[in-house]
PDB file of N, CA and C in Angstrom:
ATOM      1  N   MET A   1      71.598  28.826  96.912  1.00  0.00           N
ATOM      2  CA  MET A   1      72.959  28.952  96.430  1.00  0.00           C
ATOM      3  C   MET A   1      73.462  30.373  96.685  1.00  0.00           C
ATOM      4  N   LYS A   2      74.682  30.486  97.149  1.00  0.00           N
ATOM      5  CA  LYS A   2      75.292  31.781  97.457  1.00  0.00           C
ATOM      6  C   LYS A   2      75.661  32.517  96.172  1.00  0.00           C
ATOM      7  N   GLN A   3      75.458  33.815  96.196  1.00  0.00           N
ATOM      8  CA  GLN A   3      75.865  34.642  95.063  1.00  0.00           C
ATOM      9  C   GLN A   3      77.005  35.557  95.486  1.00  0.00           C
ATOM     10  N   TYR A   4      77.851  35.858  94.532  1.00  0.00           N
ATOM     11  CA  TYR A   4      78.974  36.759  94.746  1.00  0.00           C
ATOM     12  C   TYR A   4      78.848  37.913  93.761  1.00  0.00           C
ATOM     13  N   TYR A   5      79.379  39.030  94.146  1.00  0.00           N
ATOM     14  CA  TYR A   5      79.224  40.249  93.360  1.00  0.00           C
ATOM     15  C   TYR A   5      80.587  40.854  93.061  1.00  0.00           C
ATOM     16  N   VAL A   6      80.786  41.213  91.823  1.00  0.00           N
ATOM     17  CA  VAL A   6      81.906  42.052  91.419  1.00  0.00           C
ATOM     18  C   VAL A   6      81.292  43.439  91.277  1.00  0.00           C
ATOM     19  N   TYR A   7      81.883  44.427  91.918  1.00  0.00           N
ATOM     20  CA  TYR A   7      81.265  45.753  91.937  1.00  0.00           C
ATOM     21  C   TYR A   7      82.293  46.846  91.684  1.00  0.00           C
ATOM     22  N   THR A   8      81.776  47.971  91.247  1.00  0.00           N
ATOM     23  CA  THR A   8      82.595  49.158  91.047  1.00  0.00           C
ATOM     24  C   THR A   8      82.006  50.299  91.856  1.00  0.00           C
ATOM     25  N   LEU A   9      82.864  50.965  92.580  1.00  0.00           N
ATOM     26  CA  LEU A   9      82.506  52.185  93.293  1.00  0.00           C
ATOM     27  C   LEU A   9      83.194  53.348  92.592  1.00  0.00           C
ATOM     28  N   SER A  10      82.587  54.520  92.676  1.00  0.00           N
ATOM     29  CA  SER A  10      83.231  55.713  92.112  1.00  0.00           C
ATOM     30  C   SER A  10      83.058  56.880  93.069  1.00  0.00           C
ATOM     31  N   SER A  11      83.940  57.848  92.938  1.00  0.00           N
ATOM     32  CA  SER A  11      83.840  59.066  93.747  1.00  0.00           C
ATOM     33  C   SER A  11      82.811  60.022  93.145  1.00  0.00           C
ATOM     34  N   ARG A  12      82.677  59.957  91.817  1.00  0.00           N
ATOM     35  CA  ARG A  12      81.721  60.782  91.067  1.00  0.00           C
ATOM     36  C   ARG A  12      81.775  60.309  89.622  1.00  0.00           C
ATOM     37  N   ARG A  13      80.984  60.882  88.765  1.00  0.00           N
ATOM     38  CA  ARG A  13      81.019  60.524  87.344  1.00  0.00           C
ATOM     39  C   ARG A  13      82.434  60.718  86.803  1.00  0.00           C
ATOM     40  N   ASN A  14      82.981  59.694  86.180  1.00  0.00           N
ATOM     41  CA  ASN A  14      84.338  59.715  85.636  1.00  0.00           C
ATOM     42  C   ASN A  14      85.412  59.996  86.678  1.00  0.00           C
ATOM     43  N   GLY A  15      85.093  59.770  87.941  1.00  0.00           N
ATOM     44  CA  GLY A  15      86.041  60.021  89.022  1.00  0.00           C
ATOM     45  C   GLY A  15      86.899  58.802  89.334  1.00  0.00           C
ATOM     46  N   THR A  16      87.395  58.772  90.540  1.00  0.00           N
ATOM     47  CA  THR A  16      88.216  57.672  91.020  1.00  0.00           C
ATOM     48  C   THR A  16      87.371  56.406  91.105  1.00  0.00           C
ATOM     49  N   LEU A  17      87.940  55.285  90.674  1.00  0.00           N
ATOM     50  CA  LEU A  17      87.218  54.014  90.660  1.00  0.00           C
ATOM     51  C   LEU A  17      87.849  53.001  91.615  1.00  0.00           C
ATOM     52  N   HIS A  18      86.998  52.124  92.139  1.00  0.00           N
ATOM     53  CA  HIS A  18      87.440  50.993  92.956  1.00  0.00           C
ATOM     54  C   HIS A  18      86.655  49.773  92.494  1.00  0.00           C
ATOM     55  N   ILE A  19      87.337  48.647  92.360  1.00  0.00           N
ATOM     56  CA  ILE A  19      86.697  47.393  91.965  1.00  0.00           C
ATOM     57  C   ILE A  19      86.892  46.391  93.092  1.00  0.00           C
ATOM     58  N   GLY A  20      85.818  45.687  93.450  1.00  0.00           N
ATOM     59  CA  GLY A  20      85.902  44.704  94.524  1.00  0.00           C
ATOM     60  C   GLY A  20      84.986  43.522  94.301  1.00  0.00           C
ATOM     61  N   VAL A  21      85.081  42.556  95.220  1.00  0.00           N
ATOM     62  CA  VAL A  21      84.243  41.358  95.227  1.00  0.00           C
ATOM     63  C   VAL A  21      83.690  41.180  96.628  1.00  0.00           C
ATOM     64  N   THR A  22      82.440  40.726  96.710  1.00  0.00           N
ATOM     65  CA  THR A  22      81.827  40.477  98.013  1.00  0.00           C
ATOM     66  C   THR A  22      80.730  39.438  97.885  1.00  0.00           C
ATOM     67  N   GLY A  23      80.384  38.846  98.994  1.00  0.00           N
ATOM     68  CA  GLY A  23      79.254  37.931  99.045  1.00  0.00           C
ATOM     69  C   GLY A  23      77.999  38.611  99.555  1.00  0.00           C
ATOM     70  N   ASP A  24      78.121  39.854 100.003  1.00  0.00           N
ATOM     71  CA  ASP A  24      76.972  40.619 100.511  1.00  0.00           C
ATOM     72  C   ASP A  24      77.117  42.061 100.030  1.00  0.00           C
ATOM     73  N   LEU A  25      76.551  42.347  98.880  1.00  0.00           N
ATOM     74  CA  LEU A  25      76.742  43.648  98.232  1.00  0.00           C
ATOM     75  C   LEU A  25      76.164  44.798  99.040  1.00  0.00           C
ATOM     76  N   ILE A  26      74.984  44.628  99.592  1.00  0.00           N
ATOM     77  CA  ILE A  26      74.370  45.717 100.362  1.00  0.00           C
ATOM     78  C   ILE A  26      75.226  46.060 101.577  1.00  0.00           C
ATOM     79  N   LYS A  27      75.653  45.047 102.312  1.00  0.00           N
ATOM     80  CA  LYS A  27      76.486  45.283 103.491  1.00  0.00           C
ATOM     81  C   LYS A  27      77.801  45.956 103.111  1.00  0.00           C
ATOM     82  N   ARG A  28      78.437  45.446 102.057  1.00  0.00           N
ATOM     83  CA  ARG A  28      79.739  45.991 101.665  1.00  0.00           C
ATOM     84  C   ARG A  28      79.616  47.429 101.167  1.00  0.00           C
ATOM     85  N   ALA A  29      78.589  47.708 100.375  1.00  0.00           N
ATOM     86  CA  ALA A  29      78.381  49.074  99.888  1.00  0.00           C
ATOM     87  C   ALA A  29      78.107  50.015 101.063  1.00  0.00           C
ATOM     88  N   TYR A  30      77.333  49.553 102.035  1.00  0.00           N
ATOM     89  CA  TYR A  30      77.054  50.357 103.243  1.00  0.00           C
ATOM     90  C   TYR A  30      78.361  50.672 103.973  1.00  0.00           C
ATOM     91  N   GLN A  31      79.212  49.666 104.121  1.00  0.00           N
ATOM     92  CA  GLN A  31      80.488  49.869 104.803  1.00  0.00           C
ATOM     93  C   GLN A  31      81.329  50.923 104.090  1.00  0.00           C
ATOM     94  N   HIS A  32      81.405  50.846 102.786  1.00  0.00           N
ATOM     95  CA  HIS A  32      82.170  51.840 102.020  1.00  0.00           C
ATOM     96  C   HIS A  32      81.526  53.221 102.154  1.00  0.00           C
ATOM     97  N   LYS A  33      80.217  53.270 102.012  1.00  0.00           N
ATOM     98  CA  LYS A  33      79.482  54.532 102.034  1.00  0.00           C
ATOM     99  C   LYS A  33      79.657  55.287 103.350  1.00  0.00           C
ATOM    100  N   HIS A  34      79.771  54.552 104.449  1.00  0.00           N
ATOM    101  CA  HIS A  34      79.865  55.169 105.772  1.00  0.00           C
ATOM    102  C   HIS A  34      81.284  55.186 106.332  1.00  0.00           C
ATOM    103  N   GLY A  35      82.265  54.951 105.475  1.00  0.00           N
ATOM    104  CA  GLY A  35      83.661  55.055 105.886  1.00  0.00           C
ATOM    105  C   GLY A  35      84.095  54.004 106.888  1.00  0.00           C
ATOM    106  N   LEU A  36      83.449  52.846 106.884  1.00  0.00           N
ATOM    107  CA  LEU A  36      83.782  51.782 107.818  1.00  0.00           C
ATOM    108  C   LEU A  36      84.906  50.891 107.321  1.00  0.00           C
ATOM    109  N   VAL A  37      85.318  51.097 106.074  1.00  0.00           N
ATOM    110  CA  VAL A  37      86.394  50.318 105.462  1.00  0.00           C
ATOM    111  C   VAL A  37      87.618  51.224 105.358  1.00  0.00           C
ATOM    112  N   GLU A  38      88.656  50.889 106.105  1.00  0.00           N
ATOM    113  CA  GLU A  38      89.890  51.666 106.039  1.00  0.00           C
ATOM    114  C   GLU A  38      90.574  51.427 104.695  1.00  0.00           C
ATOM    115  N   GLY A  39      91.277  52.425 104.235  1.00  0.00           N
ATOM    116  CA  GLY A  39      92.065  52.249 103.020  1.00  0.00           C
ATOM    117  C   GLY A  39      91.659  53.184 101.907  1.00  0.00           C
ATOM    118  N   PHE A  40      91.819  52.690 100.692  1.00  0.00           N
ATOM    119  CA  PHE A  40      91.670  53.485  99.473  1.00  0.00           C
ATOM    120  C   PHE A  40      90.324  54.191  99.382  1.00  0.00           C
ATOM    121  N   THR A  41      89.228  53.460  99.556  1.00  0.00           N
ATOM    122  CA  THR A  41      87.903  54.059  99.343  1.00  0.00           C
ATOM    123  C   THR A  41      87.597  55.139 100.374  1.00  0.00           C
ATOM    124  N   LYS A  42      88.048  54.947 101.583  1.00  0.00           N
ATOM    125  CA  LYS A  42      87.836  55.957 102.624  1.00  0.00           C
ATOM    126  C   LYS A  42      88.719  57.181 102.364  1.00  0.00           C
ATOM    127  N   LYS A  43      89.968  56.929 102.042  1.00  0.00           N
ATOM    128  CA  LYS A  43      90.927  58.012 101.809  1.00  0.00           C
ATOM    129  C   LYS A  43      90.500  58.913 100.650  1.00  0.00           C
ATOM    130  N   TYR A  44      89.983  58.309  99.565  1.00  0.00           N
ATOM    131  CA  TYR A  44      89.638  59.068  98.368  1.00  0.00           C
ATOM    132  C   TYR A  44      88.137  59.288  98.190  1.00  0.00           C
ATOM    133  N   ASP A  45      87.361  59.009  99.232  1.00  0.00           N
ATOM    134  CA  ASP A  45      85.914  59.256  99.224  1.00  0.00           C
ATOM    135  C   ASP A  45      85.220  58.575  98.037  1.00  0.00           C
ATOM    136  N   VAL A  46      85.533  57.308  97.853  1.00  0.00           N
ATOM    137  CA  VAL A  46      84.975  56.510  96.758  1.00  0.00           C
ATOM    138  C   VAL A  46      83.866  55.652  97.360  1.00  0.00           C
ATOM    139  N   HIS A  47      82.612  56.066  97.195  1.00  0.00           N
ATOM    140  CA  HIS A  47      81.537  55.359  97.892  1.00  0.00           C
ATOM    141  C   HIS A  47      80.242  55.178  97.090  1.00  0.00           C
ATOM    142  N   ASN A  48      80.205  55.589  95.838  1.00  0.00           N
ATOM    143  CA  ASN A  48      78.995  55.419  95.032  1.00  0.00           C
ATOM    144  C   ASN A  48      79.056  54.098  94.274  1.00  0.00           C
ATOM    145  N   LEU A  49      78.086  53.235  94.503  1.00  0.00           N
ATOM    146  CA  LEU A  49      78.006  51.949  93.808  1.00  0.00           C
ATOM    147  C   LEU A  49      77.500  52.223  92.395  1.00  0.00           C
ATOM    148  N   THR A  50      78.381  52.089  91.406  1.00  0.00           N
ATOM    149  CA  THR A  50      78.018  52.464  90.035  1.00  0.00           C
ATOM    150  C   THR A  50      77.844  51.284  89.094  1.00  0.00           C
ATOM    151  N   TYR A  51      78.309  50.096  89.504  1.00  0.00           N
ATOM    152  CA  TYR A  51      78.174  48.916  88.648  1.00  0.00           C
ATOM    153  C   TYR A  51      78.311  47.676  89.520  1.00  0.00           C
ATOM    154  N   TYR A  52      77.578  46.622  89.158  1.00  0.00           N
ATOM    155  CA  TYR A  52      77.799  45.319  89.788  1.00  0.00           C
ATOM    156  C   TYR A  52      77.283  44.221  88.874  1.00  0.00           C
ATOM    157  N   GLU A  53      77.824  43.057  89.074  1.00  0.00           N
ATOM    158  CA  GLU A  53      77.334  41.864  88.386  1.00  0.00           C
ATOM    159  C   GLU A  53      77.434  40.702  89.365  1.00  0.00           C
ATOM    160  N   THR A  54      76.659  39.661  89.129  1.00  0.00           N
ATOM    161  CA  THR A  54      76.604  38.529  90.042  1.00  0.00           C
ATOM    162  C   THR A  54      77.222  37.284  89.420  1.00  0.00           C
ATOM    163  N   ASP A  55      77.656  36.388  90.312  1.00  0.00           N
ATOM    164  CA  ASP A  55      78.192  35.105  89.889  1.00  0.00           C
ATOM    165  C   ASP A  55      77.920  34.085  90.990  1.00  0.00           C
ATOM    166  N   ASP A  56      77.707  32.856  90.623  1.00  0.00           N
ATOM    167  CA  ASP A  56      77.469  31.794  91.598  1.00  0.00           C
ATOM    168  C   ASP A  56      78.758  31.225  92.175  1.00  0.00           C
ATOM    169  N   SER A  57      79.877  31.542  91.570  1.00  0.00           N
ATOM    170  CA  SER A  57      81.166  30.998  91.979  1.00  0.00           C
ATOM    171  C   SER A  57      82.086  32.115  92.470  1.00  0.00           C
ATOM    172  N   VAL A  58      82.615  31.954  93.684  1.00  0.00           N
ATOM    173  CA  VAL A  58      83.553  32.947  94.201  1.00  0.00           C
ATOM    174  C   VAL A  58      84.808  32.991  93.326  1.00  0.00           C
ATOM    175  N   TYR A  59      85.201  31.856  92.772  1.00  0.00           N
ATOM    176  CA  TYR A  59      86.393  31.817  91.925  1.00  0.00           C
ATOM    177  C   TYR A  59      86.172  32.598  90.634  1.00  0.00           C
ATOM    178  N   GLU A  60      84.984  32.439  90.058  1.00  0.00           N
ATOM    179  CA  GLU A  60      84.660  33.192  88.840  1.00  0.00           C
ATOM    180  C   GLU A  60      84.580  34.691  89.139  1.00  0.00           C
ATOM    181  N   ALA A  61      83.998  35.045  90.287  1.00  0.00           N
ATOM    182  CA  ALA A  61      83.903  36.459  90.665  1.00  0.00           C
ATOM    183  C   ALA A  61      85.290  37.065  90.859  1.00  0.00           C
ATOM    184  N   LEU A  62      86.172  36.336  91.533  1.00  0.00           N
ATOM    185  CA  LEU A  62      87.540  36.825  91.733  1.00  0.00           C
ATOM    186  C   LEU A  62      88.295  36.932  90.416  1.00  0.00           C
ATOM    187  N   SER A  63      88.056  35.987  89.534  1.00  0.00           N
ATOM    188  CA  SER A  63      88.685  36.034  88.211  1.00  0.00           C
ATOM    189  C   SER A  63      88.208  37.259  87.430  1.00  0.00           C
ATOM    190  N   ARG A  64      86.919  37.531  87.511  1.00  0.00           N
ATOM    191  CA  ARG A  64      86.344  38.692  86.814  1.00  0.00           C
ATOM    192  C   ARG A  64      86.907  39.991  87.408  1.00  0.00           C
ATOM    193  N   GLU A  65      87.017  40.054  88.736  1.00  0.00           N
ATOM    194  CA  GLU A  65      87.602  41.235  89.384  1.00  0.00           C
ATOM    195  C   GLU A  65      89.020  41.475  88.865  1.00  0.00           C
ATOM    196  N   ASN A  66      89.820  40.427  88.817  1.00  0.00           N
ATOM    197  CA  ASN A  66      91.195  40.560  88.324  1.00  0.00           C
ATOM    198  C   ASN A  66      91.225  40.999  86.873  1.00  0.00           C
ATOM    199  N   GLN A  67      90.273  40.503  86.085  1.00  0.00           N
ATOM    200  CA  GLN A  67      90.167  40.916  84.688  1.00  0.00           C
ATOM    201  C   GLN A  67      89.884  42.417  84.606  1.00  0.00           C
ATOM    202  N   PHE A  68      88.902  42.880  85.381  1.00  0.00           N
ATOM    203  CA  PHE A  68      88.554  44.307  85.376  1.00  0.00           C
ATOM    204  C   PHE A  68      89.742  45.173  85.773  1.00  0.00           C
ATOM    205  N   LYS A  69      90.477  44.735  86.765  1.00  0.00           N
ATOM    206  CA  LYS A  69      91.594  45.535  87.262  1.00  0.00           C
ATOM    207  C   LYS A  69      92.694  45.703  86.219  1.00  0.00           C
ATOM    208  N   LYS A  70      92.747  44.813  85.251  1.00  0.00           N
ATOM    209  CA  LYS A  70      93.751  44.907  84.189  1.00  0.00           C
ATOM    210  C   LYS A  70      93.277  45.747  83.005  1.00  0.00           C
ATOM    211  N   TRP A  71      91.992  46.051  82.978  1.00  0.00           N
ATOM    212  CA  TRP A  71      91.427  46.814  81.865  1.00  0.00           C
ATOM    213  C   TRP A  71      91.915  48.253  81.863  1.00  0.00           C
ATOM    214  N   LYS A  72      91.882  48.848  80.670  1.00  0.00           N
ATOM    215  CA  LYS A  72      92.122  50.280  80.546  1.00  0.00           C
ATOM    216  C   LYS A  72      90.972  51.022  81.210  1.00  0.00           C
ATOM    217  N   ARG A  73      91.246  52.202  81.693  1.00  0.00           N
ATOM    218  CA  ARG A  73      90.227  53.009  82.367  1.00  0.00           C
ATOM    219  C   ARG A  73      88.998  53.225  81.482  1.00  0.00           C
ATOM    220  N   GLN A  74      89.202  53.520  80.214  1.00  0.00           N
ATOM    221  CA  GLN A  74      88.089  53.780  79.300  1.00  0.00           C
ATOM    222  C   GLN A  74      87.166  52.568  79.202  1.00  0.00           C
ATOM    223  N   TRP A  75      87.717  51.373  79.211  1.00  0.00           N
ATOM    224  CA  TRP A  75      86.904  50.157  79.150  1.00  0.00           C
ATOM    225  C   TRP A  75      86.031  50.044  80.402  1.00  0.00           C
ATOM    226  N   LYS A  76      86.592  50.408  81.551  1.00  0.00           N
ATOM    227  CA  LYS A  76      85.831  50.361  82.807  1.00  0.00           C
ATOM    228  C   LYS A  76      84.681  51.369  82.760  1.00  0.00           C
ATOM    229  N   ILE A  77      84.963  52.540  82.253  1.00  0.00           N
ATOM    230  CA  ILE A  77      83.929  53.574  82.134  1.00  0.00           C
ATOM    231  C   ILE A  77      82.821  53.101  81.197  1.00  0.00           C
ATOM    232  N   GLU A  78      83.195  52.500  80.083  1.00  0.00           N
ATOM    233  CA  GLU A  78      82.195  51.991  79.139  1.00  0.00           C
ATOM    234  C   GLU A  78      81.362  50.875  79.755  1.00  0.00           C
ATOM    235  N   LEU A  79      81.969  50.034  80.575  1.00  0.00           N
ATOM    236  CA  LEU A  79      81.224  48.976  81.263  1.00  0.00           C
ATOM    237  C   LEU A  79      80.209  49.585  82.226  1.00  0.00           C
ATOM    238  N   ILE A  80      80.641  50.546  83.016  1.00  0.00           N
ATOM    239  CA  ILE A  80      79.729  51.214  83.953  1.00  0.00           C
ATOM    240  C   ILE A  80      78.564  51.835  83.186  1.00  0.00           C
ATOM    241  N   GLU A  81      78.877  52.556  82.115  1.00  0.00           N
ATOM    242  CA  GLU A  81      77.830  53.252  81.369  1.00  0.00           C
ATOM    243  C   GLU A  81      76.911  52.303  80.607  1.00  0.00           C
ATOM    244  N   SER A  82      77.349  51.065  80.371  1.00  0.00           N
ATOM    245  CA  SER A  82      76.471  50.091  79.717  1.00  0.00           C
ATOM    246  C   SER A  82      75.316  49.696  80.637  1.00  0.00           C
ATOM    247  N   MET A  83      75.523  49.791  81.931  1.00  0.00           N
ATOM    248  CA  MET A  83      74.487  49.450  82.908  1.00  0.00           C
ATOM    249  C   MET A  83      73.899  50.701  83.561  1.00  0.00           C
ATOM    250  N   ASN A  84      74.703  51.726  83.681  1.00  0.00           N
ATOM    251  CA  ASN A  84      74.348  52.877  84.505  1.00  0.00           C
ATOM    252  C   ASN A  84      74.836  54.157  83.822  1.00  0.00           C
ATOM    253  N   GLN A  85      74.170  54.522  82.751  1.00  0.00           N
ATOM    254  CA  GLN A  85      74.603  55.664  81.944  1.00  0.00           C
ATOM    255  C   GLN A  85      74.650  56.963  82.741  1.00  0.00           C
ATOM    256  N   GLU A  86      73.803  57.088  83.728  1.00  0.00           N
ATOM    257  CA  GLU A  86      73.729  58.319  84.530  1.00  0.00           C
ATOM    258  C   GLU A  86      74.715  58.338  85.701  1.00  0.00           C
ATOM    259  N   TRP A  87      75.382  57.228  85.950  1.00  0.00           N
ATOM    260  CA  TRP A  87      76.307  57.088  87.076  1.00  0.00           C
ATOM    261  C   TRP A  87      75.597  57.297  88.414  1.00  0.00           C
ATOM    262  N   LYS A  88      74.339  56.905  88.509  1.00  0.00           N
ATOM    263  CA  LYS A  88      73.640  57.064  89.783  1.00  0.00           C
ATOM    264  C   LYS A  88      74.140  56.027  90.777  1.00  0.00           C
ATOM    265  N   ASP A  89      73.963  56.311  92.041  1.00  0.00           N
ATOM    266  CA  ASP A  89      74.383  55.410  93.104  1.00  0.00           C
ATOM    267  C   ASP A  89      73.363  54.277  93.206  1.00  0.00           C
ATOM    268  N   LEU A  90      73.731  53.097  92.764  1.00  0.00           N
ATOM    269  CA  LEU A  90      72.825  51.950  92.706  1.00  0.00           C
ATOM    270  C   LEU A  90      72.515  51.358  94.086  1.00  0.00           C
ATOM    271  N   TYR A  91      73.249  51.767  95.090  1.00  0.00           N
ATOM    272  CA  TYR A  91      73.010  51.297  96.448  1.00  0.00           C
ATOM    273  C   TYR A  91      71.555  51.540  96.860  1.00  0.00           C
ATOM    274  N   TYR A  92      71.059  52.709  96.532  1.00  0.00           N
ATOM    275  CA  TYR A  92      69.697  53.072  96.940  1.00  0.00           C
ATOM    276  C   TYR A  92      68.632  52.257  96.207  1.00  0.00           C
ATOM    277  N   ASP A  93      68.922  51.803  95.000  1.00  0.00           N
ATOM    278  CA  ASP A  93      68.016  50.895  94.297  1.00  0.00           C
ATOM    279  C   ASP A  93      67.971  49.537  94.995  1.00  0.00           C
ATOM    280  N   LEU A  94      69.117  49.094  95.511  1.00  0.00           N
ATOM    281  CA  LEU A  94      69.188  47.792  96.180  1.00  0.00           C
ATOM    282  C   LEU A  94      68.447  47.781  97.508  1.00  0.00           C
ATOM    283  N   VAL A  95      68.550  48.862  98.247  1.00  0.00           N
ATOM    284  CA  VAL A  95      67.924  48.886  99.584  1.00  0.00           C
ATOM    285  C   VAL A  95      66.495  49.401  99.557  1.00  0.00           C
ATOM    286  N   GLY A  96      66.068  49.897  98.395  1.00  0.00           N
ATOM    287  CA  GLY A  96      64.677  50.358  98.264  1.00  0.00           C
ATOM    288  C   GLY A  96      64.539  51.740  98.721  1.00  0.00           C
TER     289      GLY A  96
END
């Protein structure tokens, strides 16, 4: 069964945030990290994977992404810190 990921990237601790959805988290994080994705994340150097969660349904993942995007900034920060208090780049944990 395919899994989908809702993820948050940051420029640094408490920095600029980006929320997205993907079916391949490692590939997508790599693309952001190496500036292969034109737009917001490249322009503002937002490339640290600071939070992610999985879902079996693309519709549920997209719904969750939209929910996150409506949240207050403080709520997003608290969500990140609930999983990643140090704000470390989780990409390196995923790739080993």
